[in-house]
ModelCIF file with pLDDT and N, C-alpha, C, O atoms, coordinates in Angstrom:
data_MODEL
#
_entry.id   MODEL 
#
_entity.id                         1 
_entity.type                       polymer 
_entity.pdbx_number_of_molecules   1 
#
_entity_poly.entity_id                      1 
_entity_poly.type                           'polypeptide(L)' 
_entity_poly.nstd_linkage                   no 
_entity_poly.nstd_monomer                   no 
_entity_poly.pdbx_seq_one_letter_code       GLKDYVILHTTSRKIITLLSMSKITEKLPEQEFARVHRSFIVSLHH 
_entity_poly.pdbx_seq_one_letter_code_can   GLKDYVILHTTSRKIITLLSMSKITEKLPEQEFARVHRSFIVSLHH 
_entity_poly.pdbx_strand_id                 A 
#
loop_
_entity_poly_seq.entity_id 
_entity_poly_seq.num 
_entity_poly_seq.mon_id 
_entity_poly_seq.hetero 
1 1  GLY n 
1 2  LEU n 
1 3  LYS n 
1 4  ASP n 
1 5  TYR n 
1 6  VAL n 
1 7  ILE n 
1 8  LEU n 
1 9  HIS n 
1 10 THR n 
1 11 THR n 
1 12 SER n 
1 13 ARG n 
1 14 LYS n 
1 15 ILE n 
1 16 ILE n 
1 17 THR n 
1 18 LEU n 
1 19 LEU n 
1 20 SER n 
1 21 MET n 
1 22 SER n 
1 23 LYS n 
1 24 ILE n 
1 25 THR n 
1 26 GLU n 
1 27 LYS n 
1 28 LEU n 
1 29 PRO n 
1 30 GLU n 
1 31 GLN n 
1 32 GLU n 
1 33 PHE n 
1 34 ALA n 
1 35 ARG n 
1 36 VAL n 
1 37 HIS n 
1 38 ARG n 
1 39 SER n 
1 40 PHE n 
1 41 ILE n 
1 42 VAL n 
1 43 SER n 
1 44 LEU n 
1 45 HIS n 
1 46 HIS n 
#
_struct_asym.id          A 
_struct_asym.entity_id   1 
#
loop_
_ma_qa_metric.id 
_ma_qa_metric.mode 
_ma_qa_metric.name 
_ma_qa_metric.software_group_id 
_ma_qa_metric.type 
1 global pLDDT . pLDDT 
2 local  pLDDT . pLDDT 
#
_ma_qa_metric_global.metric_id      1 
_ma_qa_metric_global.metric_value   87.00 
_ma_qa_metric_global.model_id       1 
_ma_qa_metric_global.ordinal_id     1 
#
loop_
_ma_qa_metric_local.label_asym_id 
_ma_qa_metric_local.label_comp_id 
_ma_qa_metric_local.label_seq_id 
_ma_qa_metric_local.metric_id 
_ma_qa_metric_local.metric_value 
_ma_qa_metric_local.model_id 
_ma_qa_metric_local.ordinal_id 
A GLY 1  2 88.00 1 1  
A LEU 2  2 80.00 1 2  
A LYS 3  2 70.00 1 3  
A ASP 4  2 71.00 1 4  
A TYR 5  2 83.00 1 5  
A VAL 6  2 87.00 1 6  
A ILE 7  2 88.00 1 7  
A LEU 8  2 91.00 1 8  
A HIS 9  2 93.00 1 9  
A THR 10 2 94.00 1 10 
A THR 11 2 92.00 1 11 
A SER 12 2 91.00 1 12 
A ARG 13 2 89.00 1 13 
A LYS 14 2 89.00 1 14 
A ILE 15 2 89.00 1 15 
A ILE 16 2 85.00 1 16 
A THR 17 2 84.00 1 17 
A LEU 18 2 82.00 1 18 
A LEU 19 2 79.00 1 19 
A SER 20 2 83.00 1 20 
A MET 21 2 86.00 1 21 
A SER 22 2 83.00 1 22 
A LYS 23 2 83.00 1 23 
A ILE 24 2 88.00 1 24 
A THR 25 2 85.00 1 25 
A GLU 26 2 82.00 1 26 
A LYS 27 2 83.00 1 27 
A LEU 28 2 88.00 1 28 
A PRO 29 2 86.00 1 29 
A GLU 30 2 79.00 1 30 
A GLN 31 2 81.00 1 31 
A GLU 32 2 88.00 1 32 
A PHE 33 2 91.00 1 33 
A ALA 34 2 90.00 1 34 
A ARG 35 2 90.00 1 35 
A VAL 36 2 92.00 1 36 
A HIS 37 2 91.00 1 37 
A ARG 38 2 88.00 1 38 
A SER 39 2 89.00 1 39 
A PHE 40 2 93.00 1 40 
A ILE 41 2 94.00 1 41 
A VAL 42 2 95.00 1 42 
A SER 43 2 93.00 1 43 
A LEU 44 2 92.00 1 44 
A HIS 45 2 90.00 1 45 
A HIS 46 2 94.00 1 46 
#
loop_
_atom_site.group_PDB 
_atom_site.id 
_atom_site.type_symbol 
_atom_site.label_atom_id 
_atom_site.label_alt_id 
_atom_site.label_comp_id 
_atom_site.label_asym_id 
_atom_site.label_entity_id 
_atom_site.label_seq_id 
_atom_site.pdbx_PDB_ins_code 
_atom_site.Cartn_x 
_atom_site.Cartn_y 
_atom_site.Cartn_z 
_atom_site.occupancy 
_atom_site.B_iso_or_equiv 
_atom_site.pdbx_formal_charge 
_atom_site.auth_seq_id 
_atom_site.auth_comp_id 
_atom_site.auth_asym_id 
_atom_site.auth_atom_id 
_atom_site.pdbx_PDB_model_num 
ATOM 1   N N  . GLY A 1 1  ? -84.428  -158.993 84.639  1.00 88.00 ? 1  GLY A N  1 
ATOM 2   C CA . GLY A 1 1  ? -84.448  -158.479 83.397  1.00 88.00 ? 1  GLY A CA 1 
ATOM 3   C C  . GLY A 1 1  ? -82.840  -158.249 82.904  1.00 88.00 ? 1  GLY A C  1 
ATOM 4   O O  . GLY A 1 1  ? -82.033  -157.643 83.609  1.00 88.00 ? 1  GLY A O  1 
ATOM 5   N N  . LEU A 1 2  ? -82.573  -158.710 81.853  1.00 80.00 ? 2  LEU A N  1 
ATOM 6   C CA . LEU A 1 2  ? -81.233  -158.843 81.257  1.00 80.00 ? 2  LEU A CA 1 
ATOM 7   C C  . LEU A 1 2  ? -81.136  -158.599 79.913  1.00 80.00 ? 2  LEU A C  1 
ATOM 8   O O  . LEU A 1 2  ? -81.043  -159.523 79.105  1.00 80.00 ? 2  LEU A O  1 
ATOM 9   N N  . LYS A 1 3  ? -81.150  -157.309 79.556  1.00 70.00 ? 3  LYS A N  1 
ATOM 10  C CA . LYS A 1 3  ? -81.131  -156.885 77.980  1.00 70.00 ? 3  LYS A CA 1 
ATOM 11  C C  . LYS A 1 3  ? -82.377  -157.304 77.493  1.00 70.00 ? 3  LYS A C  1 
ATOM 12  O O  . LYS A 1 3  ? -83.446  -156.954 77.993  1.00 70.00 ? 3  LYS A O  1 
ATOM 13  N N  . ASP A 1 4  ? -82.256  -158.075 76.490  1.00 71.00 ? 4  ASP A N  1 
ATOM 14  C CA . ASP A 1 4  ? -83.590  -158.635 75.612  1.00 71.00 ? 4  ASP A CA 1 
ATOM 15  C C  . ASP A 1 4  ? -84.026  -159.902 76.341  1.00 71.00 ? 4  ASP A C  1 
ATOM 16  O O  . ASP A 1 4  ? -84.852  -160.597 75.749  1.00 71.00 ? 4  ASP A O  1 
ATOM 17  N N  . TYR A 1 5  ? -83.689  -160.219 77.275  1.00 83.00 ? 5  TYR A N  1 
ATOM 18  C CA . TYR A 1 5  ? -84.115  -161.518 78.064  1.00 83.00 ? 5  TYR A CA 1 
ATOM 19  C C  . TYR A 1 5  ? -84.572  -161.087 79.363  1.00 83.00 ? 5  TYR A C  1 
ATOM 20  O O  . TYR A 1 5  ? -84.306  -160.041 79.954  1.00 83.00 ? 5  TYR A O  1 
ATOM 21  N N  . VAL A 1 6  ? -85.471  -162.277 79.799  1.00 87.00 ? 6  VAL A N  1 
ATOM 22  C CA . VAL A 1 6  ? -85.647  -162.294 81.412  1.00 87.00 ? 6  VAL A CA 1 
ATOM 23  C C  . VAL A 1 6  ? -85.340  -163.671 81.893  1.00 87.00 ? 6  VAL A C  1 
ATOM 24  O O  . VAL A 1 6  ? -85.414  -164.681 81.192  1.00 87.00 ? 6  VAL A O  1 
ATOM 25  N N  . ILE A 1 7  ? -85.019  -163.631 83.041  1.00 88.00 ? 7  ILE A N  1 
ATOM 26  C CA . ILE A 1 7  ? -84.881  -164.949 83.938  1.00 88.00 ? 7  ILE A CA 1 
ATOM 27  C C  . ILE A 1 7  ? -85.959  -165.033 84.859  1.00 88.00 ? 7  ILE A C  1 
ATOM 28  O O  . ILE A 1 7  ? -86.299  -164.157 85.654  1.00 88.00 ? 7  ILE A O  1 
ATOM 29  N N  . LEU A 1 8  ? -86.471  -166.146 84.694  1.00 91.00 ? 8  LEU A N  1 
ATOM 30  C CA . LEU A 1 8  ? -87.589  -166.524 85.705  1.00 91.00 ? 8  LEU A CA 1 
ATOM 31  C C  . LEU A 1 8  ? -87.034  -167.100 86.748  1.00 91.00 ? 8  LEU A C  1 
ATOM 32  O O  . LEU A 1 8  ? -86.519  -168.177 86.449  1.00 91.00 ? 8  LEU A O  1 
ATOM 33  N N  . HIS A 1 9  ? -86.913  -166.739 88.112  1.00 93.00 ? 9  HIS A N  1 
ATOM 34  C CA . HIS A 1 9  ? -86.515  -167.507 89.115  1.00 93.00 ? 9  HIS A CA 1 
ATOM 35  C C  . HIS A 1 9  ? -87.516  -168.417 89.869  1.00 93.00 ? 9  HIS A C  1 
ATOM 36  O O  . HIS A 1 9  ? -88.401  -167.807 90.469  1.00 93.00 ? 9  HIS A O  1 
ATOM 37  N N  . THR A 1 10 ? -87.530  -169.656 89.940  1.00 94.00 ? 10 THR A N  1 
ATOM 38  C CA . THR A 1 10 ? -88.463  -170.201 90.483  1.00 94.00 ? 10 THR A CA 1 
ATOM 39  C C  . THR A 1 10 ? -88.038  -171.072 91.825  1.00 94.00 ? 10 THR A C  1 
ATOM 40  O O  . THR A 1 10 ? -86.837  -171.181 92.075  1.00 94.00 ? 10 THR A O  1 
ATOM 41  N N  . THR A 1 11 ? -88.758  -171.529 92.461  1.00 92.00 ? 11 THR A N  1 
ATOM 42  C CA . THR A 1 11 ? -88.413  -172.382 93.735  1.00 92.00 ? 11 THR A CA 1 
ATOM 43  C C  . THR A 1 11 ? -87.841  -173.536 93.273  1.00 92.00 ? 11 THR A C  1 
ATOM 44  O O  . THR A 1 11 ? -87.360  -174.250 94.153  1.00 92.00 ? 11 THR A O  1 
ATOM 45  N N  . SER A 1 12 ? -87.731  -174.042 91.801  1.00 91.00 ? 12 SER A N  1 
ATOM 46  C CA . SER A 1 12 ? -87.131  -175.292 91.524  1.00 91.00 ? 12 SER A CA 1 
ATOM 47  C C  . SER A 1 12 ? -86.033  -175.015 90.390  1.00 91.00 ? 12 SER A C  1 
ATOM 48  O O  . SER A 1 12 ? -85.128  -175.818 90.160  1.00 91.00 ? 12 SER A O  1 
ATOM 49  N N  . ARG A 1 13 ? -86.187  -173.861 89.736  1.00 89.00 ? 13 ARG A N  1 
ATOM 50  C CA . ARG A 1 13 ? -85.155  -173.769 88.632  1.00 89.00 ? 13 ARG A CA 1 
ATOM 51  C C  . ARG A 1 13 ? -85.095  -172.112 88.059  1.00 89.00 ? 13 ARG A C  1 
ATOM 52  O O  . ARG A 1 13 ? -85.839  -171.239 88.506  1.00 89.00 ? 13 ARG A O  1 
ATOM 53  N N  . LYS A 1 14 ? -84.114  -171.890 87.042  1.00 89.00 ? 14 LYS A N  1 
ATOM 54  C CA . LYS A 1 14 ? -84.042  -170.454 86.511  1.00 89.00 ? 14 LYS A CA 1 
ATOM 55  C C  . LYS A 1 14 ? -84.340  -170.983 84.814  1.00 89.00 ? 14 LYS A C  1 
ATOM 56  O O  . LYS A 1 14 ? -83.900  -171.917 84.143  1.00 89.00 ? 14 LYS A O  1 
ATOM 57  N N  . ILE A 1 15 ? -85.234  -169.957 84.566  1.00 89.00 ? 15 ILE A N  1 
ATOM 58  C CA . ILE A 1 15 ? -85.939  -170.181 83.132  1.00 89.00 ? 15 ILE A CA 1 
ATOM 59  C C  . ILE A 1 15 ? -85.403  -168.932 82.375  1.00 89.00 ? 15 ILE A C  1 
ATOM 60  O O  . ILE A 1 15 ? -85.782  -167.830 82.770  1.00 89.00 ? 15 ILE A O  1 
ATOM 61  N N  . ILE A 1 16 ? -84.462  -169.027 81.209  1.00 85.00 ? 16 ILE A N  1 
ATOM 62  C CA . ILE A 1 16 ? -84.217  -168.044 80.575  1.00 85.00 ? 16 ILE A CA 1 
ATOM 63  C C  . ILE A 1 16 ? -85.073  -167.774 79.275  1.00 85.00 ? 16 ILE A C  1 
ATOM 64  O O  . ILE A 1 16 ? -85.145  -168.785 78.576  1.00 85.00 ? 16 ILE A O  1 
ATOM 65  N N  . THR A 1 17 ? -85.809  -166.567 78.714  1.00 84.00 ? 17 THR A N  1 
ATOM 66  C CA . THR A 1 17 ? -86.298  -166.473 77.763  1.00 84.00 ? 17 THR A CA 1 
ATOM 67  C C  . THR A 1 17 ? -86.252  -165.327 77.155  1.00 84.00 ? 17 THR A C  1 
ATOM 68  O O  . THR A 1 17 ? -85.986  -164.354 77.861  1.00 84.00 ? 17 THR A O  1 
ATOM 69  N N  . LEU A 1 18 ? -86.517  -165.090 75.550  1.00 82.00 ? 18 LEU A N  1 
ATOM 70  C CA . LEU A 1 18 ? -86.510  -163.859 74.993  1.00 82.00 ? 18 LEU A CA 1 
ATOM 71  C C  . LEU A 1 18 ? -87.647  -163.025 75.347  1.00 82.00 ? 18 LEU A C  1 
ATOM 72  O O  . LEU A 1 18 ? -88.628  -163.514 74.787  1.00 82.00 ? 18 LEU A O  1 
ATOM 73  N N  . LEU A 1 19 ? -87.966  -162.029 75.992  1.00 79.00 ? 19 LEU A N  1 
ATOM 74  C CA . LEU A 1 19 ? -88.934  -161.750 76.408  1.00 79.00 ? 19 LEU A CA 1 
ATOM 75  C C  . LEU A 1 19 ? -88.650  -160.119 76.933  1.00 79.00 ? 19 LEU A C  1 
ATOM 76  O O  . LEU A 1 19 ? -87.490  -159.944 77.307  1.00 79.00 ? 19 LEU A O  1 
ATOM 77  N N  . SER A 1 20 ? -89.377  -159.140 76.996  1.00 83.00 ? 20 SER A N  1 
ATOM 78  C CA . SER A 1 20 ? -89.120  -158.145 77.514  1.00 83.00 ? 20 SER A CA 1 
ATOM 79  C C  . SER A 1 20 ? -89.943  -157.772 78.928  1.00 83.00 ? 20 SER A C  1 
ATOM 80  O O  . SER A 1 20 ? -91.014  -158.310 79.208  1.00 83.00 ? 20 SER A O  1 
ATOM 81  N N  . MET A 1 21 ? -89.356  -156.875 79.693  1.00 86.00 ? 21 MET A N  1 
ATOM 82  C CA . MET A 1 21 ? -89.832  -156.952 80.941  1.00 86.00 ? 21 MET A CA 1 
ATOM 83  C C  . MET A 1 21 ? -91.449  -156.464 80.625  1.00 86.00 ? 21 MET A C  1 
ATOM 84  O O  . MET A 1 21 ? -92.374  -157.171 81.023  1.00 86.00 ? 21 MET A O  1 
ATOM 85  N N  . SER A 1 22 ? -91.671  -155.356 79.970  1.00 83.00 ? 22 SER A N  1 
ATOM 86  C CA . SER A 1 22 ? -93.103  -154.722 80.051  1.00 83.00 ? 22 SER A CA 1 
ATOM 87  C C  . SER A 1 22 ? -93.970  -155.844 79.483  1.00 83.00 ? 22 SER A C  1 
ATOM 88  O O  . SER A 1 22 ? -95.121  -155.963 79.904  1.00 83.00 ? 22 SER A O  1 
ATOM 89  N N  . LYS A 1 23 ? -93.523  -156.617 78.617  1.00 83.00 ? 23 LYS A N  1 
ATOM 90  C CA . LYS A 1 23 ? -94.267  -157.471 78.171  1.00 83.00 ? 23 LYS A CA 1 
ATOM 91  C C  . LYS A 1 23 ? -94.783  -158.675 79.073  1.00 83.00 ? 23 LYS A C  1 
ATOM 92  O O  . LYS A 1 23 ? -95.977  -158.962 78.988  1.00 83.00 ? 23 LYS A O  1 
ATOM 93  N N  . ILE A 1 24 ? -94.007  -159.360 79.885  1.00 88.00 ? 24 ILE A N  1 
ATOM 94  C CA . ILE A 1 24 ? -94.192  -160.138 80.925  1.00 88.00 ? 24 ILE A CA 1 
ATOM 95  C C  . ILE A 1 24 ? -95.079  -159.452 81.975  1.00 88.00 ? 24 ILE A C  1 
ATOM 96  O O  . ILE A 1 24 ? -95.984  -160.117 82.480  1.00 88.00 ? 24 ILE A O  1 
ATOM 97  N N  . THR A 1 25 ? -94.911  -158.290 82.309  1.00 85.00 ? 25 THR A N  1 
ATOM 98  C CA . THR A 1 25 ? -95.471  -157.604 83.318  1.00 85.00 ? 25 THR A CA 1 
ATOM 99  C C  . THR A 1 25 ? -96.955  -157.697 82.987  1.00 85.00 ? 25 THR A C  1 
ATOM 100 O O  . THR A 1 25 ? -97.710  -157.959 83.923  1.00 85.00 ? 25 THR A O  1 
ATOM 101 N N  . GLU A 1 26 ? -97.507  -157.499 81.676  1.00 82.00 ? 26 GLU A N  1 
ATOM 102 C CA . GLU A 1 26 ? -98.737  -157.588 81.415  1.00 82.00 ? 26 GLU A CA 1 
ATOM 103 C C  . GLU A 1 26 ? -99.624  -158.890 81.416  1.00 82.00 ? 26 GLU A C  1 
ATOM 104 O O  . GLU A 1 26 ? -100.846 -159.012 81.331  1.00 82.00 ? 26 GLU A O  1 
ATOM 105 N N  . LYS A 1 27 ? -98.577  -159.865 81.543  1.00 83.00 ? 27 LYS A N  1 
ATOM 106 C CA . LYS A 1 27 ? -99.338  -161.380 82.112  1.00 83.00 ? 27 LYS A CA 1 
ATOM 107 C C  . LYS A 1 27 ? -99.488  -161.739 83.106  1.00 83.00 ? 27 LYS A C  1 
ATOM 108 O O  . LYS A 1 27 ? -100.095 -162.787 83.329  1.00 83.00 ? 27 LYS A O  1 
ATOM 109 N N  . LEU A 1 28 ? -98.782  -160.681 84.402  1.00 88.00 ? 28 LEU A N  1 
ATOM 110 C CA . LEU A 1 28 ? -98.833  -160.975 85.793  1.00 88.00 ? 28 LEU A CA 1 
ATOM 111 C C  . LEU A 1 28 ? -99.932  -160.624 86.450  1.00 88.00 ? 28 LEU A C  1 
ATOM 112 O O  . LEU A 1 28 ? -100.314 -159.599 85.885  1.00 88.00 ? 28 LEU A O  1 
ATOM 113 N N  . PRO A 1 29 ? -100.602 -160.857 87.243  1.00 86.00 ? 29 PRO A N  1 
ATOM 114 C CA . PRO A 1 29 ? -101.674 -160.476 88.040  1.00 86.00 ? 29 PRO A CA 1 
ATOM 115 C C  . PRO A 1 29 ? -101.032 -159.206 88.958  1.00 86.00 ? 29 PRO A C  1 
ATOM 116 O O  . PRO A 1 29 ? -100.038 -159.318 89.675  1.00 86.00 ? 29 PRO A O  1 
ATOM 117 N N  . GLU A 1 30 ? -101.683 -158.198 88.807  1.00 79.00 ? 30 GLU A N  1 
ATOM 118 C CA . GLU A 1 30 ? -100.926 -157.125 89.687  1.00 79.00 ? 30 GLU A CA 1 
ATOM 119 C C  . GLU A 1 30 ? -100.863 -157.185 91.222  1.00 79.00 ? 30 GLU A C  1 
ATOM 120 O O  . GLU A 1 30 ? -100.019 -156.706 91.979  1.00 79.00 ? 30 GLU A O  1 
ATOM 121 N N  . GLN A 1 31 ? -102.196 -158.038 91.538  1.00 81.00 ? 31 GLN A N  1 
ATOM 122 C CA . GLN A 1 31 ? -102.333 -158.216 92.971  1.00 81.00 ? 31 GLN A CA 1 
ATOM 123 C C  . GLN A 1 31 ? -101.425 -159.050 93.401  1.00 81.00 ? 31 GLN A C  1 
ATOM 124 O O  . GLN A 1 31 ? -101.561 -159.271 94.605  1.00 81.00 ? 31 GLN A O  1 
ATOM 125 N N  . GLU A 1 32 ? -100.528 -159.620 92.899  1.00 88.00 ? 32 GLU A N  1 
ATOM 126 C CA . GLU A 1 32 ? -99.559  -160.784 93.210  1.00 88.00 ? 32 GLU A CA 1 
ATOM 127 C C  . GLU A 1 32 ? -97.829  -160.517 92.864  1.00 88.00 ? 32 GLU A C  1 
ATOM 128 O O  . GLU A 1 32 ? -96.939  -161.226 93.334  1.00 88.00 ? 32 GLU A O  1 
ATOM 129 N N  . PHE A 1 33 ? -97.602  -159.346 91.947  1.00 91.00 ? 33 PHE A N  1 
ATOM 130 C CA . PHE A 1 33 ? -96.477  -159.284 91.350  1.00 91.00 ? 33 PHE A CA 1 
ATOM 131 C C  . PHE A 1 33 ? -96.167  -157.738 91.434  1.00 91.00 ? 33 PHE A C  1 
ATOM 132 O O  . PHE A 1 33 ? -97.140  -156.984 91.457  1.00 91.00 ? 33 PHE A O  1 
ATOM 133 N N  . ALA A 1 34 ? -95.231  -157.342 91.469  1.00 90.00 ? 34 ALA A N  1 
ATOM 134 C CA . ALA A 1 34 ? -94.797  -155.883 91.653  1.00 90.00 ? 34 ALA A CA 1 
ATOM 135 C C  . ALA A 1 34 ? -93.419  -155.596 90.856  1.00 90.00 ? 34 ALA A C  1 
ATOM 136 O O  . ALA A 1 34 ? -92.496  -156.400 90.988  1.00 90.00 ? 34 ALA A O  1 
ATOM 137 N N  . ARG A 1 35 ? -93.286  -154.582 90.119  1.00 90.00 ? 35 ARG A N  1 
ATOM 138 C CA . ARG A 1 35 ? -91.991  -154.002 89.780  1.00 90.00 ? 35 ARG A CA 1 
ATOM 139 C C  . ARG A 1 35 ? -91.174  -153.288 90.487  1.00 90.00 ? 35 ARG A C  1 
ATOM 140 O O  . ARG A 1 35 ? -91.354  -152.085 90.672  1.00 90.00 ? 35 ARG A O  1 
ATOM 141 N N  . VAL A 1 36 ? -90.328  -153.853 90.891  1.00 92.00 ? 36 VAL A N  1 
ATOM 142 C CA . VAL A 1 36 ? -89.807  -152.735 91.766  1.00 92.00 ? 36 VAL A CA 1 
ATOM 143 C C  . VAL A 1 36 ? -88.479  -152.074 91.562  1.00 92.00 ? 36 VAL A C  1 
ATOM 144 O O  . VAL A 1 36 ? -87.899  -151.342 92.364  1.00 92.00 ? 36 VAL A O  1 
ATOM 145 N N  . HIS A 1 37 ? -88.051  -152.469 90.273  1.00 91.00 ? 37 HIS A N  1 
ATOM 146 C CA . HIS A 1 37 ? -86.947  -151.882 89.775  1.00 91.00 ? 37 HIS A CA 1 
ATOM 147 C C  . HIS A 1 37 ? -86.789  -151.939 88.211  1.00 91.00 ? 37 HIS A C  1 
ATOM 148 O O  . HIS A 1 37 ? -87.406  -152.845 87.650  1.00 91.00 ? 37 HIS A O  1 
ATOM 149 N N  . ARG A 1 38 ? -86.190  -151.255 87.593  1.00 88.00 ? 38 ARG A N  1 
ATOM 150 C CA . ARG A 1 38 ? -86.159  -151.407 86.066  1.00 88.00 ? 38 ARG A CA 1 
ATOM 151 C C  . ARG A 1 38 ? -85.702  -153.106 85.611  1.00 88.00 ? 38 ARG A C  1 
ATOM 152 O O  . ARG A 1 38 ? -86.076  -153.599 84.547  1.00 88.00 ? 38 ARG A O  1 
ATOM 153 N N  . SER A 1 39 ? -84.958  -153.754 86.486  1.00 89.00 ? 39 SER A N  1 
ATOM 154 C CA . SER A 1 39 ? -84.586  -154.689 86.178  1.00 89.00 ? 39 SER A CA 1 
ATOM 155 C C  . SER A 1 39 ? -85.112  -155.864 86.884  1.00 89.00 ? 39 SER A C  1 
ATOM 156 O O  . SER A 1 39 ? -84.532  -156.931 86.679  1.00 89.00 ? 39 SER A O  1 
ATOM 157 N N  . PHE A 1 40 ? -86.330  -155.838 87.853  1.00 93.00 ? 40 PHE A N  1 
ATOM 158 C CA . PHE A 1 40 ? -86.823  -156.923 88.595  1.00 93.00 ? 40 PHE A CA 1 
ATOM 159 C C  . PHE A 1 40 ? -88.344  -156.611 89.037  1.00 93.00 ? 40 PHE A C  1 
ATOM 160 O O  . PHE A 1 40 ? -88.842  -155.540 89.387  1.00 93.00 ? 40 PHE A O  1 
ATOM 161 N N  . ILE A 1 41 ? -88.827  -157.680 88.930  1.00 94.00 ? 41 ILE A N  1 
ATOM 162 C CA . ILE A 1 41 ? -90.270  -157.694 89.350  1.00 94.00 ? 41 ILE A CA 1 
ATOM 163 C C  . ILE A 1 41 ? -90.176  -158.929 90.357  1.00 94.00 ? 41 ILE A C  1 
ATOM 164 O O  . ILE A 1 41 ? -89.436  -159.887 90.133  1.00 94.00 ? 41 ILE A O  1 
ATOM 165 N N  . VAL A 1 42 ? -91.055  -158.819 91.577  1.00 95.00 ? 42 VAL A N  1 
ATOM 166 C CA . VAL A 1 42 ? -90.900  -159.614 92.438  1.00 95.00 ? 42 VAL A CA 1 
ATOM 167 C C  . VAL A 1 42 ? -92.337  -160.116 92.666  1.00 95.00 ? 42 VAL A C  1 
ATOM 168 O O  . VAL A 1 42 ? -93.352  -159.562 92.243  1.00 95.00 ? 42 VAL A O  1 
ATOM 169 N N  . SER A 1 43 ? -92.278  -161.235 93.387  1.00 93.00 ? 43 SER A N  1 
ATOM 170 C CA . SER A 1 43 ? -93.734  -162.008 93.875  1.00 93.00 ? 43 SER A CA 1 
ATOM 171 C C  . SER A 1 43 ? -93.752  -161.538 95.051  1.00 93.00 ? 43 SER A C  1 
ATOM 172 O O  . SER A 1 43 ? -92.731  -161.643 95.730  1.00 93.00 ? 43 SER A O  1 
ATOM 173 N N  . LEU A 1 44 ? -94.983  -160.869 95.612  1.00 92.00 ? 44 LEU A N  1 
ATOM 174 C CA . LEU A 1 44 ? -95.475  -160.365 96.714  1.00 92.00 ? 44 LEU A CA 1 
ATOM 175 C C  . LEU A 1 44 ? -95.326  -161.365 97.808  1.00 92.00 ? 44 LEU A C  1 
ATOM 176 O O  . LEU A 1 44 ? -94.617  -161.227 98.805  1.00 92.00 ? 44 LEU A O  1 
ATOM 177 N N  . HIS A 1 45 ? -96.032  -162.330 97.526  1.00 90.00 ? 45 HIS A N  1 
ATOM 178 C CA . HIS A 1 45 ? -96.155  -163.555 98.299  1.00 90.00 ? 45 HIS A CA 1 
ATOM 179 C C  . HIS A 1 45 ? -94.714  -164.167 99.009  1.00 90.00 ? 45 HIS A C  1 
ATOM 180 O O  . HIS A 1 45 ? -94.656  -164.709 100.113 1.00 90.00 ? 45 HIS A O  1 
ATOM 181 N N  . HIS A 1 46 ? -93.683  -163.953 98.164  1.00 94.00 ? 46 HIS A N  1 
ATOM 182 C CA . HIS A 1 46 ? -92.444  -164.597 98.682  1.00 94.00 ? 46 HIS A CA 1 
ATOM 183 C C  . HIS A 1 46 ? -91.625  -163.667 99.135  1.00 94.00 ? 46 HIS A C  1 
ATOM 184 O O  . HIS A 1 46 ? -90.535  -163.983 99.611  1.00 94.00 ? 46 HIS A O  1 
#
């Protein structure tokens, strides 16, 4: 998370989009992703 943006770090690239951390959390399966910091959500598999 970076103020009003989020950066999606994938295996091949970074994607910057205008989105809140809370909004993107709603779209992620909780069994696969966890918010571990105000500014970070991690993939539990990675």
